[in-house]
């Protein structure tokens, strides 16, 4: 059964514009190129520190394969990951695995 990752991030003060540019122009396209399915990307309506995004996986085996393809790549380790700490408070990151209910349109 497919499942989703709901990823909630705390963006550092004054860094939302820079974070969205990196997410939308680099991180999401890079992850999609590796096979990730990104189902949503959101920012807080009134709280400029809130960023949430979701990814869908068909199975745990697929998630592991895609994590390896993304997070063990030279592009991630050398180009993307080093810039993240200045934009996000990683201690406040929350990742929740969720599954759609029977009547959900996300089935």
Foldseek 3Di string as FASTA:
>chain_A
DKKKKKKKFFWPPPQLVVVCCCVVVPVVVVLVVLPWAWDDWDADPPDRGIIITMTMDPDPVRVVSSCCSQCVDCCCVPPNVVPPVVTTDVVPMDIDMGDDDPPDPVD
